[in-house]
Amino acid sequence: MARGKKKSGIRLGLWVLLLCCICLMGCSNKVESQNKPQAKPNISYLSPSSYSPSVFSTEETKIGGEYFGDRKGIVRFGNIEAKILSWSNDLIIVEVPDIGRNEAGFITDSTYMVVVENEVGASNSMAFEVVKPEELDWDVELPEELP
């Protein structure tokens, strides 16, 4: 009889241990899931969604949407990674990378698809336009007589 009680006690102990392990795994998954985004990021808007590159300044653009997550991910304009200035679950601010130049270095009208990547995956893409700046009028009238 004592032997039967001993086996029952061991079995009960194993069941309790198994239940504790299951509870601990469930709790740790809940903590992890609170920090991870629950879905792929979704871009709703870019502001501004176009710009004209300038030698004298850098441009920032805001990316609004949802499910970006709390941890910084990656923002790409085409295949070029942007510098992230600010990141939250629904708003990212980036410095627009040096884009829109042809092989000779001249600015050309072009479109880059912006994508946000986080731990879950890549977002939908949204178009960002690079617009060639207006050309300066260099025609200057000179006086007929030079001093």
Protein backbone atom coordinates (compact mmCIF):
# COMPACT_ATOMS: atom_id res chain seq x y z
CA MET A 1 0.00 0.00 0.00
CA ALA A 2 2.82 2.42 0.78
CA ARG A 3 4.30 1.69 -2.61
CA GLY A 4 1.04 2.67 -4.38
CA LYS A 5 0.87 5.97 -2.46
CA LYS A 6 4.48 6.71 -3.41
CA LYS A 7 3.74 6.19 -7.13
CA SER A 8 0.63 8.36 -6.86
CA GLY A 9 2.65 11.10 -5.14
CA ILE A 10 5.28 11.01 -7.90
CA ARG A 11 2.63 11.16 -10.61
CA LEU A 12 0.91 14.07 -8.89
CA GLY A 13 4.24 15.87 -8.55
CA LEU A 14 4.95 15.37 -12.26
CA TRP A 15 1.53 16.75 -13.20
CA VAL A 16 2.06 19.79 -10.98
CA LEU A 17 5.51 20.34 -12.53
CA LEU A 18 4.05 20.00 -16.03
CA LEU A 19 1.27 22.51 -15.26
CA CYS A 20 3.79 24.99 -13.81
CA CYS A 21 5.94 24.74 -16.95
CA ILE A 22 2.92 25.32 -19.18
CA CYS A 23 1.88 28.36 -17.11
CA LEU A 24 5.38 29.82 -17.20
CA MET A 25 5.60 29.37 -20.99
CA GLY A 26 2.23 31.05 -21.42
CA CYS A 27 3.26 33.99 -19.24
CA SER A 28 6.56 34.52 -21.06
CA ASN A 29 4.77 34.45 -24.42
CA LYS A 30 2.38 37.15 -23.19
CA VAL A 31 5.27 39.40 -22.15
CA GLU A 32 7.00 38.91 -25.52
CA SER A 33 3.80 39.52 -27.48
CA GLN A 34 3.25 42.86 -25.71
CA ASN A 35 6.57 44.13 -27.12
CA LYS A 36 6.22 42.68 -30.60
CA PRO A 37 3.94 44.14 -33.25
CA GLN A 38 0.93 41.93 -33.87
CA ALA A 39 0.75 42.41 -37.63
CA LYS A 40 2.79 43.56 -40.57
CA PRO A 41 3.26 47.33 -40.63
CA ASN A 42 0.78 49.33 -42.67
CA ILE A 43 1.65 52.72 -44.20
CA SER A 44 -1.32 55.11 -44.44
CA TYR A 45 0.46 58.28 -45.58
CA LEU A 46 3.75 60.06 -46.29
CA SER A 47 4.06 63.75 -45.45
CA PRO A 48 5.43 65.23 -47.56
CA SER A 49 5.16 62.61 -50.28
CA SER A 50 7.50 64.47 -52.64
CA TYR A 51 10.48 66.78 -52.52
CA SER A 52 13.06 68.62 -54.59
CA PRO A 53 16.59 67.82 -53.43
CA SER A 54 18.72 70.73 -52.34
CA VAL A 55 22.42 71.05 -51.78
CA PHE A 56 21.81 73.21 -48.73
CA SER A 57 19.39 71.20 -46.63
CA THR A 58 18.19 67.75 -45.73
CA GLU A 59 14.54 66.80 -45.92
CA GLU A 60 12.50 64.88 -43.42
CA THR A 61 9.33 62.98 -44.13
CA LYS A 62 6.73 61.54 -41.78
CA ILE A 63 5.39 58.05 -42.30
CA GLY A 64 2.03 57.50 -40.66
CA GLY A 65 0.27 54.20 -40.23
CA GLU A 66 -0.09 51.35 -37.80
CA TYR A 67 1.68 48.27 -36.44
CA PHE A 68 5.19 49.74 -36.79
CA GLY A 69 6.02 48.41 -33.30
CA ASP A 70 7.92 50.01 -30.45
CA ARG A 71 11.35 48.84 -31.60
CA LYS A 72 13.09 50.58 -34.50
CA GLY A 73 12.99 48.68 -37.74
CA ILE A 74 14.11 49.70 -41.21
CA VAL A 75 12.69 52.22 -43.68
CA ARG A 76 13.71 51.93 -47.31
CA PHE A 77 13.26 54.25 -50.28
CA GLY A 78 13.59 51.71 -53.05
CA ASN A 79 16.66 49.75 -51.94
CA ILE A 80 18.20 52.69 -50.04
CA GLU A 81 17.91 52.68 -46.25
CA ALA A 82 16.80 55.93 -44.61
CA LYS A 83 18.15 57.37 -41.35
CA ILE A 84 15.45 57.06 -38.68
CA LEU A 85 14.99 60.18 -36.56
CA SER A 86 11.96 59.05 -34.55
CA TRP A 87 9.99 55.78 -34.30
CA SER A 88 6.69 54.90 -32.63
CA ASN A 89 3.96 52.37 -33.27
CA ASP A 90 2.03 54.74 -35.56
CA LEU A 91 4.50 57.44 -36.70
CA ILE A 92 8.04 57.34 -38.07
CA ILE A 93 10.14 60.37 -39.01
CA VAL A 94 13.07 59.77 -41.35
CA GLU A 95 15.69 61.79 -43.13
CA VAL A 96 15.13 61.39 -46.85
CA PRO A 97 18.22 59.67 -48.28
CA ASP A 98 20.19 61.14 -51.16
CA ILE A 99 17.97 59.86 -53.96
CA GLY A 100 16.86 61.06 -57.38
CA ARG A 101 20.21 61.56 -59.06
CA ASN A 102 21.24 59.95 -62.34
CA GLU A 103 24.68 58.44 -63.02
CA ALA A 104 26.09 61.88 -63.87
CA GLY A 105 24.82 63.26 -60.55
CA PHE A 106 22.01 65.37 -61.98
CA ILE A 107 18.64 65.40 -60.25
CA THR A 108 15.90 63.74 -62.27
CA ASP A 109 12.20 63.29 -61.70
CA SER A 110 11.79 59.83 -60.19
CA THR A 111 9.62 57.72 -57.90
CA TYR A 112 10.79 55.58 -55.00
CA MET A 113 8.62 53.08 -53.20
CA VAL A 114 8.83 53.50 -49.41
CA VAL A 115 8.58 50.36 -47.26
CA VAL A 116 8.73 49.89 -43.47
CA GLU A 117 10.17 46.64 -42.11
CA ASN A 118 9.80 45.36 -38.54
CA GLU A 119 10.09 42.03 -36.71
CA VAL A 120 6.87 40.74 -38.26
CA GLY A 121 7.57 41.64 -41.90
CA ALA A 122 7.43 44.33 -44.57
CA SER A 123 4.65 46.86 -45.04
CA ASN A 124 2.70 47.86 -48.09
CA SER A 125 4.66 50.27 -50.28
CA MET A 126 3.85 53.92 -50.91
CA ALA A 127 5.22 56.20 -53.65
CA PHE A 128 7.62 59.04 -52.82
CA GLU A 129 8.27 61.47 -55.67
CA VAL A 130 11.56 63.24 -56.34
CA VAL A 131 10.89 66.37 -58.37
CA LYS A 132 13.62 68.10 -60.32
CA PRO A 133 14.04 71.62 -58.95
CA GLU A 134 13.10 74.47 -61.21
CA GLU A 135 16.05 75.67 -63.22
CA LEU A 136 17.40 79.12 -62.48
CA ASP A 137 17.25 81.76 -65.17
CA TRP A 138 20.86 82.69 -65.76
CA ASP A 139 20.13 85.18 -68.55
CA VAL A 140 21.44 88.52 -67.36
CA GLU A 141 21.37 91.68 -69.39
CA LEU A 142 24.74 93.38 -69.49
CA PRO A 143 25.09 97.09 -70.05
CA GLU A 144 26.26 98.04 -73.53
CA GLU A 145 29.26 99.87 -72.21
CA LEU A 146 31.42 98.40 -69.57
CA PRO A 147 33.11 100.85 -67.20
